[in-house]
Amino acid sequence: MKSKISHIEINVLNYKESIRFYDTILIPMGFKRTSCMKTWTAYTDGMSKFIICPVEEKYRKAGFHRKRAGLNHLAFYADSKEQVDSYFNEILVKNNIEALYENKAFGDEQYYAVFFEGPDRIKLEYVYAPNYCDLDCWPNTFEDDFDPYSS
């Protein structure tokens, strides 16, 4: 059996600002906003959905940080290194969205990406990695040093 991600749903503190932000970054990637309700907004690229929801008042205090338990980051595929560079220049730079780490796209022929954060500091990545999920690309040369079944 093979599986693909059906949808990703994130909760956001500033719903209106987040819709505007995700319109800005997702639509150029080929997503289309399909719904915009008071309780959720959905985007699709025809393969999977990306959904944002406003955080309920009683949950607002805790906040979010990618280093805590939970989501670290979301990565979206690009079709080429040139597409990553164009996205950086035409979307991130023109909309004053700061890139993380190198303040530009970086990498090599196998993994080339730009990282940035959304309004709630969720780390996002736009990446060209043509073989990233291929098993042949990841010949496990690491020696396992952790047994999750040991007592």
N, C-alpha and C. Protein backbone atom coordinates (compact mmCIF):
# COMPACT_ATOMS: atom_id res chain seq x y z
N MET A 1 0.85 -1.18 0.00
CA MET A 1 0.00 0.00 0.00
C MET A 1 0.89 1.24 0.00
N LYS A 2 0.53 2.20 -0.81
CA LYS A 2 1.22 3.50 -0.84
C LYS A 2 0.28 4.56 -0.32
N SER A 3 0.83 5.54 0.33
CA SER A 3 0.00 6.62 0.85
C SER A 3 0.61 7.96 0.49
N LYS A 4 -0.24 8.92 0.32
CA LYS A 4 0.18 10.31 0.13
C LYS A 4 -0.55 11.12 1.19
N ILE A 5 -0.04 12.28 1.48
CA ILE A 5 -0.72 13.12 2.47
C ILE A 5 -2.01 13.66 1.85
N SER A 6 -3.10 13.47 2.55
CA SER A 6 -4.41 13.95 2.10
C SER A 6 -4.56 15.44 2.38
N HIS A 7 -4.28 15.82 3.63
CA HIS A 7 -4.41 17.23 3.99
C HIS A 7 -3.59 17.53 5.24
N ILE A 8 -3.27 18.78 5.37
CA ILE A 8 -2.59 19.30 6.56
C ILE A 8 -3.45 20.45 7.05
N GLU A 9 -3.73 20.46 8.34
CA GLU A 9 -4.55 21.52 8.93
C GLU A 9 -3.75 22.17 10.05
N ILE A 10 -3.65 23.48 10.00
CA ILE A 10 -2.94 24.20 11.05
C ILE A 10 -3.87 25.24 11.68
N ASN A 11 -3.63 25.51 12.94
CA ASN A 11 -4.38 26.53 13.66
C ASN A 11 -3.55 27.80 13.72
N VAL A 12 -4.19 28.94 13.55
CA VAL A 12 -3.49 30.22 13.48
C VAL A 12 -4.10 31.23 14.45
N LEU A 13 -3.27 32.13 14.96
CA LEU A 13 -3.74 33.14 15.91
C LEU A 13 -4.45 34.30 15.22
N ASN A 14 -3.88 34.85 14.17
CA ASN A 14 -4.49 35.97 13.45
C ASN A 14 -5.01 35.42 12.12
N TYR A 15 -6.28 35.07 12.11
CA TYR A 15 -6.88 34.37 10.98
C TYR A 15 -6.84 35.20 9.70
N LYS A 16 -7.23 36.46 9.78
CA LYS A 16 -7.25 37.31 8.59
C LYS A 16 -5.85 37.49 8.01
N GLU A 17 -4.88 37.80 8.87
CA GLU A 17 -3.49 37.96 8.42
C GLU A 17 -2.96 36.66 7.81
N SER A 18 -3.31 35.53 8.43
CA SER A 18 -2.84 34.24 7.95
C SER A 18 -3.43 33.89 6.58
N ILE A 19 -4.69 34.20 6.36
CA ILE A 19 -5.29 33.95 5.04
C ILE A 19 -4.55 34.75 3.99
N ARG A 20 -4.29 36.00 4.27
CA ARG A 20 -3.55 36.84 3.31
C ARG A 20 -2.15 36.28 3.06
N PHE A 21 -1.47 35.86 4.13
CA PHE A 21 -0.12 35.30 4.00
C PHE A 21 -0.15 34.02 3.15
N TYR A 22 -1.04 33.09 3.48
CA TYR A 22 -1.08 31.82 2.74
C TYR A 22 -1.58 32.00 1.31
N ASP A 23 -2.44 32.99 1.06
CA ASP A 23 -2.77 33.34 -0.33
C ASP A 23 -1.49 33.72 -1.07
N THR A 24 -0.66 34.53 -0.42
CA THR A 24 0.57 35.03 -1.03
C THR A 24 1.56 33.92 -1.33
N ILE A 25 1.71 32.96 -0.42
CA ILE A 25 2.75 31.94 -0.64
C ILE A 25 2.25 30.69 -1.34
N LEU A 26 0.98 30.31 -1.16
CA LEU A 26 0.50 29.05 -1.74
C LEU A 26 0.02 29.18 -3.18
N ILE A 27 -0.66 30.26 -3.51
CA ILE A 27 -1.20 30.40 -4.87
C ILE A 27 -0.09 30.34 -5.93
N PRO A 28 1.07 30.99 -5.73
CA PRO A 28 2.14 30.84 -6.72
C PRO A 28 2.71 29.42 -6.82
N MET A 29 2.49 28.60 -5.80
CA MET A 29 2.94 27.20 -5.84
C MET A 29 1.97 26.32 -6.62
N GLY A 30 0.84 26.88 -7.03
CA GLY A 30 -0.15 26.10 -7.76
C GLY A 30 -1.37 25.71 -6.95
N PHE A 31 -1.45 26.19 -5.71
CA PHE A 31 -2.64 25.94 -4.90
C PHE A 31 -3.73 26.94 -5.28
N LYS A 32 -4.97 26.55 -5.04
CA LYS A 32 -6.12 27.43 -5.24
C LYS A 32 -6.90 27.46 -3.94
N ARG A 33 -7.30 28.66 -3.52
CA ARG A 33 -8.15 28.74 -2.32
C ARG A 33 -9.54 28.30 -2.73
N THR A 34 -10.05 27.25 -2.09
CA THR A 34 -11.34 26.69 -2.47
C THR A 34 -12.48 27.09 -1.54
N SER A 35 -12.16 27.45 -0.30
CA SER A 35 -13.19 27.83 0.67
C SER A 35 -12.60 28.84 1.63
N CYS A 36 -13.46 29.76 2.08
CA CYS A 36 -13.04 30.72 3.09
C CYS A 36 -14.23 30.95 4.02
N MET A 37 -14.25 30.21 5.10
CA MET A 37 -15.35 30.25 6.06
C MET A 37 -14.85 30.92 7.35
N LYS A 38 -15.76 31.22 8.26
CA LYS A 38 -15.36 31.80 9.54
C LYS A 38 -14.52 30.82 10.37
N THR A 39 -14.71 29.53 10.16
CA THR A 39 -14.04 28.52 10.97
C THR A 39 -12.89 27.81 10.26
N TRP A 40 -12.75 27.97 8.96
CA TRP A 40 -11.64 27.36 8.24
C TRP A 40 -11.54 27.91 6.83
N THR A 41 -10.31 27.84 6.30
CA THR A 41 -10.03 28.21 4.91
C THR A 41 -9.22 27.08 4.31
N ALA A 42 -9.58 26.65 3.10
CA ALA A 42 -8.91 25.51 2.47
C ALA A 42 -8.30 25.90 1.14
N TYR A 43 -7.16 25.27 0.85
CA TYR A 43 -6.45 25.40 -0.42
C TYR A 43 -6.21 23.99 -0.94
N THR A 44 -6.15 23.83 -2.26
CA THR A 44 -5.76 22.54 -2.83
C THR A 44 -4.90 22.75 -4.06
N ASP A 45 -4.02 21.78 -4.29
CA ASP A 45 -3.24 21.75 -5.52
C ASP A 45 -3.70 20.60 -6.41
N GLY A 46 -4.82 19.99 -6.06
CA GLY A 46 -5.36 18.87 -6.81
C GLY A 46 -4.90 17.52 -6.27
N MET A 47 -3.89 17.52 -5.42
CA MET A 47 -3.38 16.28 -4.82
C MET A 47 -3.63 16.23 -3.31
N SER A 48 -3.50 17.38 -2.67
CA SER A 48 -3.70 17.45 -1.23
C SER A 48 -4.27 18.81 -0.86
N LYS A 49 -4.77 18.89 0.36
CA LYS A 49 -5.34 20.15 0.84
C LYS A 49 -4.50 20.71 1.97
N PHE A 50 -4.50 22.02 2.07
CA PHE A 50 -3.86 22.76 3.15
C PHE A 50 -4.97 23.61 3.76
N ILE A 51 -5.21 23.44 5.05
CA ILE A 51 -6.34 24.08 5.71
C ILE A 51 -5.84 24.89 6.90
N ILE A 52 -6.35 26.10 7.05
CA ILE A 52 -6.03 26.90 8.23
C ILE A 52 -7.31 27.19 9.00
N CYS A 53 -7.19 27.20 10.32
CA CYS A 53 -8.33 27.44 11.20
C CYS A 53 -7.92 28.44 12.28
N PRO A 54 -8.84 29.32 12.67
CA PRO A 54 -8.51 30.23 13.77
C PRO A 54 -8.46 29.47 15.10
N VAL A 55 -7.51 29.83 15.94
CA VAL A 55 -7.38 29.21 17.26
C VAL A 55 -8.54 29.68 18.13
N GLU A 56 -9.15 28.73 18.83
CA GLU A 56 -10.21 29.09 19.76
C GLU A 56 -9.61 29.90 20.91
N GLU A 57 -10.38 30.82 21.43
CA GLU A 57 -9.92 31.74 22.48
C GLU A 57 -9.27 31.01 23.65
N LYS A 58 -9.86 29.92 24.11
CA LYS A 58 -9.34 29.22 25.29
C LYS A 58 -7.97 28.58 25.07
N TYR A 59 -7.52 28.48 23.81
CA TYR A 59 -6.22 27.86 23.51
C TYR A 59 -5.16 28.87 23.07
N ARG A 60 -5.46 30.13 23.07
CA ARG A 60 -4.56 31.15 22.50
C ARG A 60 -3.29 31.39 23.33
N LYS A 61 -3.33 31.23 24.64
CA LYS A 61 -2.20 31.60 25.50
C LYS A 61 -0.94 30.78 25.26
N ALA A 62 -1.06 29.50 25.02
CA ALA A 62 0.11 28.63 24.94
C ALA A 62 1.05 29.01 23.80
N GLY A 63 0.53 29.49 22.70
CA GLY A 63 1.38 29.86 21.57
C GLY A 63 1.96 28.66 20.85
N PHE A 64 2.86 28.90 19.95
CA PHE A 64 3.48 27.84 19.15
C PHE A 64 4.99 28.07 19.09
N HIS A 65 5.73 26.98 19.12
CA HIS A 65 7.16 27.03 18.81
C HIS A 65 7.55 25.68 18.23
N ARG A 66 8.23 25.72 17.09
CA ARG A 66 8.56 24.47 16.39
C ARG A 66 9.53 23.58 17.15
N LYS A 67 10.18 24.08 18.18
CA LYS A 67 11.10 23.26 18.96
C LYS A 67 10.38 22.47 20.06
N ARG A 68 9.11 22.80 20.33
CA ARG A 68 8.33 22.03 21.29
C ARG A 68 7.78 20.79 20.58
N ALA A 69 7.17 19.90 21.34
CA ALA A 69 6.54 18.73 20.73
C ALA A 69 5.49 19.20 19.74
N GLY A 70 5.43 18.55 18.61
CA GLY A 70 4.48 18.93 17.57
C GLY A 70 5.20 19.21 16.27
N LEU A 71 4.59 19.97 15.44
CA LEU A 71 5.09 20.26 14.10
C LEU A 71 6.41 21.02 14.12
N ASN A 72 7.38 20.58 13.31
CA ASN A 72 8.63 21.32 13.15
C ASN A 72 8.53 22.23 11.94
N HIS A 73 8.19 21.69 10.77
CA HIS A 73 8.02 22.53 9.59
C HIS A 73 7.27 21.79 8.49
N LEU A 74 6.81 22.55 7.51
CA LEU A 74 6.14 22.00 6.33
C LEU A 74 6.98 22.32 5.11
N ALA A 75 7.17 21.34 4.24
CA ALA A 75 7.95 21.55 3.02
C ALA A 75 7.06 21.28 1.80
N PHE A 76 7.16 22.17 0.83
CA PHE A 76 6.41 22.06 -0.42
C PHE A 76 7.40 21.87 -1.56
N TYR A 77 7.09 20.94 -2.48
CA TYR A 77 7.97 20.68 -3.61
C TYR A 77 7.91 21.77 -4.67
N ALA A 78 9.07 22.08 -5.22
CA ALA A 78 9.21 22.91 -6.43
C ALA A 78 9.66 21.98 -7.55
N ASP A 79 9.47 22.40 -8.79
CA ASP A 79 9.85 21.57 -9.94
C ASP A 79 11.30 21.75 -10.37
N SER A 80 11.97 22.79 -9.89
CA SER A 80 13.36 23.04 -10.30
C SER A 80 14.02 24.02 -9.33
N LYS A 81 15.34 24.08 -9.42
CA LYS A 81 16.08 25.08 -8.63
C LYS A 81 15.68 26.48 -9.06
N GLU A 82 15.49 26.65 -10.36
CA GLU A 82 15.09 27.96 -10.89
C GLU A 82 13.75 28.40 -10.32
N GLN A 83 12.85 27.44 -10.14
CA GLN A 83 11.54 27.76 -9.56
C GLN A 83 11.69 28.22 -8.11
N VAL A 84 12.60 27.60 -7.37
CA VAL A 84 12.86 28.02 -5.98
C VAL A 84 13.41 29.44 -5.97
N ASP A 85 14.39 29.71 -6.85
CA ASP A 85 14.97 31.06 -6.92
C ASP A 85 13.94 32.10 -7.31
N SER A 86 13.12 31.77 -8.30
CA SER A 86 12.07 32.69 -8.75
C SER A 86 11.08 32.96 -7.62
N TYR A 87 10.69 31.90 -6.90
CA TYR A 87 9.77 32.03 -5.78
C TYR A 87 10.37 32.94 -4.71
N PHE A 88 11.65 32.74 -4.41
CA PHE A 88 12.32 33.58 -3.42
C PHE A 88 12.24 35.05 -3.84
N ASN A 89 12.62 35.34 -5.09
CA ASN A 89 12.67 36.72 -5.56
C ASN A 89 11.29 37.34 -5.79
N GLU A 90 10.39 36.59 -6.40
CA GLU A 90 9.09 37.15 -6.80
C GLU A 90 8.04 37.11 -5.69
N ILE A 91 8.16 36.18 -4.77
CA ILE A 91 7.15 36.06 -3.71
C ILE A 91 7.70 36.53 -2.36
N LEU A 92 8.78 35.93 -1.92
CA LEU A 92 9.28 36.28 -0.59
C LEU A 92 9.84 37.69 -0.54
N VAL A 93 10.78 38.01 -1.41
CA VAL A 93 11.41 39.34 -1.38
C VAL A 93 10.37 40.43 -1.63
N LYS A 94 9.55 40.27 -2.65
CA LYS A 94 8.57 41.31 -3.00
C LYS A 94 7.50 41.51 -1.94
N ASN A 95 7.29 40.50 -1.08
CA ASN A 95 6.29 40.62 -0.02
C ASN A 95 6.94 40.78 1.35
N ASN A 96 8.23 41.10 1.36
CA ASN A 96 8.97 41.32 2.61
C ASN A 96 8.86 40.15 3.58
N ILE A 97 8.92 38.94 3.04
CA ILE A 97 8.93 37.73 3.86
C ILE A 97 10.39 37.30 3.97
N GLU A 98 10.91 37.35 5.18
CA GLU A 98 12.34 37.10 5.39
C GLU A 98 12.67 35.62 5.31
N ALA A 99 13.69 35.28 4.55
CA ALA A 99 14.17 33.90 4.47
C ALA A 99 15.00 33.60 5.72
N LEU A 100 14.92 32.38 6.18
CA LEU A 100 15.70 31.94 7.34
C LEU A 100 17.07 31.43 6.90
N TYR A 101 17.99 31.39 7.81
CA TYR A 101 19.32 30.80 7.68
C TYR A 101 20.23 31.59 6.76
N GLU A 102 20.10 31.46 5.47
CA GLU A 102 21.03 32.08 4.53
C GLU A 102 20.47 33.39 3.95
N ASN A 103 19.25 33.72 4.27
CA ASN A 103 18.52 34.85 3.68
C ASN A 103 18.47 34.75 2.15
N LYS A 104 18.43 33.50 1.68
CA LYS A 104 18.29 33.21 0.25
C LYS A 104 18.05 31.71 0.11
N ALA A 105 17.78 31.27 -1.11
CA ALA A 105 17.70 29.84 -1.37
C ALA A 105 19.12 29.27 -1.38
N PHE A 106 19.26 28.02 -0.95
CA PHE A 106 20.60 27.42 -0.93
C PHE A 106 20.50 25.90 -1.03
N GLY A 107 21.61 25.27 -1.35
CA GLY A 107 21.68 23.82 -1.44
C GLY A 107 22.47 23.38 -2.66
N ASP A 108 22.13 22.18 -3.17
CA ASP A 108 22.84 21.63 -4.32
C ASP A 108 21.84 21.01 -5.30
N GLU A 109 22.32 20.17 -6.20
CA GLU A 109 21.45 19.56 -7.23
C GLU A 109 20.45 18.59 -6.63
N GLN A 110 20.75 18.04 -5.46
CA GLN A 110 19.86 17.06 -4.85
C GLN A 110 18.86 17.66 -3.86
N TYR A 111 19.21 18.81 -3.28
CA TYR A 111 18.33 19.43 -2.28
C TYR A 111 18.60 20.93 -2.28
N TYR A 112 17.66 21.68 -2.79
CA TYR A 112 17.81 23.13 -2.94
C TYR A 112 16.54 23.78 -2.40
N ALA A 113 16.67 24.64 -1.40
CA ALA A 113 15.48 25.12 -0.70
C ALA A 113 15.63 26.53 -0.19
N VAL A 114 14.48 27.10 0.13
CA VAL A 114 14.42 28.35 0.88
C VAL A 114 13.46 28.11 2.04
N PHE A 115 13.84 28.58 3.22
CA PHE A 115 13.04 28.43 4.44
C PHE A 115 12.56 29.80 4.89
N PHE A 116 11.35 29.85 5.44
CA PHE A 116 10.78 31.09 5.95
C PHE A 116 9.71 30.74 6.96
N GLU A 117 9.18 31.75 7.65
CA GLU A 117 8.15 31.51 8.66
C GLU A 117 6.86 32.21 8.29
N GLY A 118 5.75 31.59 8.73
CA GLY A 118 4.44 32.20 8.60
C GLY A 118 4.17 33.13 9.76
N PRO A 119 3.00 33.76 9.78
CA PRO A 119 2.67 34.71 10.84
C PRO A 119 2.74 34.13 12.25
N ASP A 120 2.50 32.83 12.40
CA ASP A 120 2.55 32.20 13.72
C ASP A 120 3.88 31.50 13.98
N ARG A 121 4.89 31.83 13.17
CA ARG A 121 6.24 31.29 13.27
C ARG A 121 6.33 29.81 12.90
N ILE A 122 5.36 29.31 12.16
CA ILE A 122 5.47 27.95 11.63
C ILE A 122 6.49 28.02 10.50
N LYS A 123 7.52 27.17 10.58
CA LYS A 123 8.56 27.18 9.55
C LYS A 123 8.03 26.50 8.30
N LEU A 124 8.26 27.14 7.16
CA LEU A 124 7.84 26.64 5.85
C LEU A 124 9.06 26.53 4.95
N GLU A 125 8.98 25.62 4.00
CA GLU A 125 10.11 25.39 3.10
C GLU A 125 9.57 25.17 1.69
N TYR A 126 10.24 25.76 0.72
CA TYR A 126 9.96 25.50 -0.69
C TYR A 126 11.21 24.85 -1.23
N VAL A 127 11.10 23.60 -1.71
CA VAL A 127 12.28 22.80 -1.97
C VAL A 127 12.23 22.09 -3.32
N TYR A 128 13.36 22.09 -3.99
CA TYR A 128 13.57 21.24 -5.15
C TYR A 128 14.45 20.10 -4.68
N ALA A 129 13.91 18.90 -4.66
CA ALA A 129 14.63 17.71 -4.21
C ALA A 129 14.09 16.53 -5.02
N PRO A 130 14.57 16.36 -6.25
CA PRO A 130 13.96 15.41 -7.17
C PRO A 130 13.96 13.96 -6.70
N ASN A 131 14.89 13.57 -5.86
CA ASN A 131 14.96 12.18 -5.42
C ASN A 131 14.78 12.02 -3.92
N TYR A 132 14.31 13.03 -3.25
CA TYR A 132 14.28 13.06 -1.79
C TYR A 132 13.56 11.87 -1.16
N CYS A 133 12.46 11.45 -1.74
CA CYS A 133 11.67 10.36 -1.15
C CYS A 133 11.97 9.00 -1.78
N ASP A 134 12.88 8.93 -2.74
CA ASP A 134 13.24 7.65 -3.35
C ASP A 134 14.13 6.86 -2.40
N LEU A 135 13.80 5.59 -2.20
CA LEU A 135 14.62 4.76 -1.31
C LEU A 135 16.05 4.64 -1.81
N ASP A 136 16.25 4.61 -3.13
CA ASP A 136 17.60 4.50 -3.68
C ASP A 136 18.46 5.72 -3.34
N CYS A 137 17.82 6.83 -3.09
CA CYS A 137 18.54 8.06 -2.76
C CYS A 137 19.05 8.04 -1.32
N TRP A 138 18.47 7.18 -0.51
CA TRP A 138 18.81 7.14 0.91
C TRP A 138 19.33 5.76 1.31
N PRO A 139 20.50 5.37 0.79
CA PRO A 139 21.06 4.09 1.23
C PRO A 139 21.48 4.25 2.68
N ASN A 140 20.78 3.65 3.58
CA ASN A 140 21.01 3.87 5.00
C ASN A 140 22.45 3.50 5.37
N THR A 141 23.30 4.50 5.40
CA THR A 141 24.70 4.29 5.78
C THR A 141 24.94 4.67 7.24
N PHE A 142 23.88 5.06 7.91
CA PHE A 142 24.00 5.41 9.33
C PHE A 142 23.87 4.15 10.17
N GLU A 143 24.67 4.06 11.21
CA GLU A 143 24.55 2.95 12.13
C GLU A 143 23.47 3.31 13.15
N ASP A 144 22.45 2.44 13.26
CA ASP A 144 21.39 2.70 14.22
C ASP A 144 21.99 2.73 15.63
N ASP A 145 21.58 3.71 16.42
CA ASP A 145 22.09 3.80 17.79
C ASP A 145 20.96 3.95 18.81
N PHE A 146 19.75 3.60 18.38
CA PHE A 146 18.61 3.71 19.29
C PHE A 146 17.64 2.59 18.98
N ASP A 147 17.22 1.86 20.02
CA ASP A 147 16.24 0.79 19.86
C ASP A 147 14.97 1.19 20.59
N PRO A 148 13.94 1.55 19.85
CA PRO A 148 12.71 2.00 20.50
C PRO A 148 11.97 0.88 21.23
N TYR A 149 12.38 -0.38 21.04
CA TYR A 149 11.70 -1.51 21.67
C TYR A 149 12.46 -2.06 22.87
N SER A 150 13.62 -1.50 23.16
CA SER A 150 14.36 -1.97 24.33
C SER A 150 13.75 -1.37 25.60
N SER A 151 14.00 -2.06 26.71
CA SER A 151 13.42 -1.54 27.96
C SER A 151 14.36 -0.64 28.71
